[in-house]
Amino acid sequence: MFGDVRRGRRPSFDQAMEPIAAESLYEAFVASLRRSGLRVETGRFRAMMRVRADNDGPVTILIDSRKLF
């Protein structure tokens, strides 16, 4: 599940996977991409990161308010 924004502006991640299961899924996804020949860079899973970005152009965020469950 993605961040749920139905109750305000900030996304809620209450329904997110448990960290151990999420890391396993993440590693499987990265391995799958690498097997397909893509170059994939990763960091430390769940690490606090300071990210600096310079966006030149529009940003699109899809917000779907339909409840799936």
C-alpha atoms as a PDB file:
ATOM      1  CA  MET A   1       0.000   0.000   0.000  1.00  0.00           C
ATOM      2  CA  PHE A   2       1.131   3.524  -0.716  1.00  0.00           C
ATOM      3  CA  GLY A   3       0.833   6.443   1.682  1.00  0.00           C
ATOM      4  CA  ASP A   4      -2.829   6.995   2.533  1.00  0.00           C
ATOM      5  CA  VAL A   5      -3.862  10.666   2.289  1.00  0.00           C
ATOM      6  CA  ARG A   6      -7.601  10.281   2.854  1.00  0.00           C
ATOM      7  CA  ARG A   7      -7.417  11.844   6.341  1.00  0.00           C
ATOM      8  CA  GLY A   8      -5.308  14.926   5.701  1.00  0.00           C
ATOM      9  CA  ARG A   9      -2.347  16.188   3.727  1.00  0.00           C
ATOM     10  CA  ARG A  10       0.374  14.014   5.198  1.00  0.00           C
ATOM     11  CA  PRO A  11       0.430  10.375   4.066  1.00  0.00           C
ATOM     12  CA  SER A  12      -0.183   7.684   6.651  1.00  0.00           C
ATOM     13  CA  PHE A  13       1.827   4.473   6.389  1.00  0.00           C
ATOM     14  CA  ASP A  14      -0.096   2.589   9.098  1.00  0.00           C
ATOM     15  CA  GLN A  15      -0.855  -0.255   6.689  1.00  0.00           C
ATOM     16  CA  ALA A  16       2.771  -0.657   5.557  1.00  0.00           C
ATOM     17  CA  MET A  17       4.526  -4.031   5.739  1.00  0.00           C
ATOM     18  CA  GLU A  18       6.567  -4.960   8.779  1.00  0.00           C
ATOM     19  CA  PRO A  19      10.221  -3.885   8.292  1.00  0.00           C
ATOM     20  CA  ILE A  20      11.705  -7.403   7.969  1.00  0.00           C
ATOM     21  CA  ALA A  21       9.146  -8.482   5.355  1.00  0.00           C
ATOM     22  CA  ALA A  22       9.450  -5.148   3.540  1.00  0.00           C
ATOM     23  CA  GLU A  23      13.239  -5.420   3.341  1.00  0.00           C
ATOM     24  CA  SER A  24      12.970  -8.945   1.951  1.00  0.00           C
ATOM     25  CA  LEU A  25      10.514  -7.760  -0.731  1.00  0.00           C
ATOM     26  CA  TYR A  26      12.771  -4.790  -1.518  1.00  0.00           C
ATOM     27  CA  GLU A  27      15.828  -7.040  -1.935  1.00  0.00           C
ATOM     28  CA  ALA A  28      13.868  -9.411  -4.204  1.00  0.00           C
ATOM     29  CA  PHE A  29      12.735  -6.466  -6.332  1.00  0.00           C
ATOM     30  CA  VAL A  30      16.294  -5.126  -6.651  1.00  0.00           C
ATOM     31  CA  ALA A  31      17.584  -8.604  -7.567  1.00  0.00           C
ATOM     32  CA  SER A  32      14.886  -8.953 -10.218  1.00  0.00           C
ATOM     33  CA  LEU A  33      15.845  -5.623 -11.784  1.00  0.00           C
ATOM     34  CA  ARG A  34      19.525  -6.590 -11.805  1.00  0.00           C
ATOM     35  CA  ARG A  35      18.741  -9.981 -13.418  1.00  0.00           C
ATOM     36  CA  SER A  36      16.955  -8.103 -16.198  1.00  0.00           C
ATOM     37  CA  GLY A  37      20.211  -6.269 -16.923  1.00  0.00           C
ATOM     38  CA  LEU A  38      19.449  -2.949 -15.281  1.00  0.00           C
ATOM     39  CA  ARG A  39      22.083  -1.189 -13.241  1.00  0.00           C
ATOM     40  CA  VAL A  40      20.634  -0.607  -9.789  1.00  0.00           C
ATOM     41  CA  GLU A  41      22.170   1.450  -6.997  1.00  0.00           C
ATOM     42  CA  THR A  42      20.938   1.016  -3.449  1.00  0.00           C
ATOM     43  CA  GLY A  43      21.543   2.454  -0.034  1.00  0.00           C
ATOM     44  CA  ARG A  44      20.870   1.095   3.420  1.00  0.00           C
ATOM     45  CA  PHE A  45      17.270  -0.020   3.879  1.00  0.00           C
ATOM     46  CA  ARG A  46      15.381   2.080   6.478  1.00  0.00           C
ATOM     47  CA  ALA A  47      18.358   4.407   6.971  1.00  0.00           C
ATOM     48  CA  MET A  48      17.796   8.056   7.693  1.00  0.00           C
ATOM     49  CA  MET A  49      18.899   9.981   4.609  1.00  0.00           C
ATOM     50  CA  ARG A  50      19.303  13.610   3.747  1.00  0.00           C
ATOM     51  CA  VAL A  51      18.402  14.022   0.086  1.00  0.00           C
ATOM     52  CA  ARG A  52      18.961  17.097  -1.988  1.00  0.00           C
ATOM     53  CA  ALA A  53      17.109  17.320  -5.284  1.00  0.00           C
ATOM     54  CA  ASP A  54      16.950  19.903  -8.026  1.00  0.00           C
ATOM     55  CA  ASN A  55      13.827  19.306 -10.098  1.00  0.00           C
ATOM     56  CA  ASP A  56      13.507  21.074 -13.413  1.00  0.00           C
ATOM     57  CA  GLY A  57       9.964  20.534 -14.552  1.00  0.00           C
ATOM     58  CA  PRO A  58       6.534  19.529 -13.327  1.00  0.00           C
ATOM     59  CA  VAL A  59       5.949  16.935 -10.659  1.00  0.00           C
ATOM     60  CA  THR A  60       2.897  14.691 -10.736  1.00  0.00           C
ATOM     61  CA  ILE A  61       1.591  12.996  -7.611  1.00  0.00           C
ATOM     62  CA  LEU A  62      -1.280  10.570  -8.087  1.00  0.00           C
ATOM     63  CA  ILE A  63      -3.728  10.634  -5.183  1.00  0.00           C
ATOM     64  CA  ASP A  64      -6.374   7.931  -5.373  1.00  0.00           C
ATOM     65  CA  SER A  65      -8.966   8.336  -2.632  1.00  0.00           C
ATOM     66  CA  ARG A  66     -10.806   5.066  -3.303  1.00  0.00           C
ATOM     67  CA  LYS A  67     -10.683   2.636  -0.418  1.00  0.00           C
ATOM     68  CA  LEU A  68      -9.403  -0.720  -1.701  1.00  0.00           C
ATOM     69  CA  PHE A  69     -10.239  -2.888   1.314  1.00  0.00           C
END
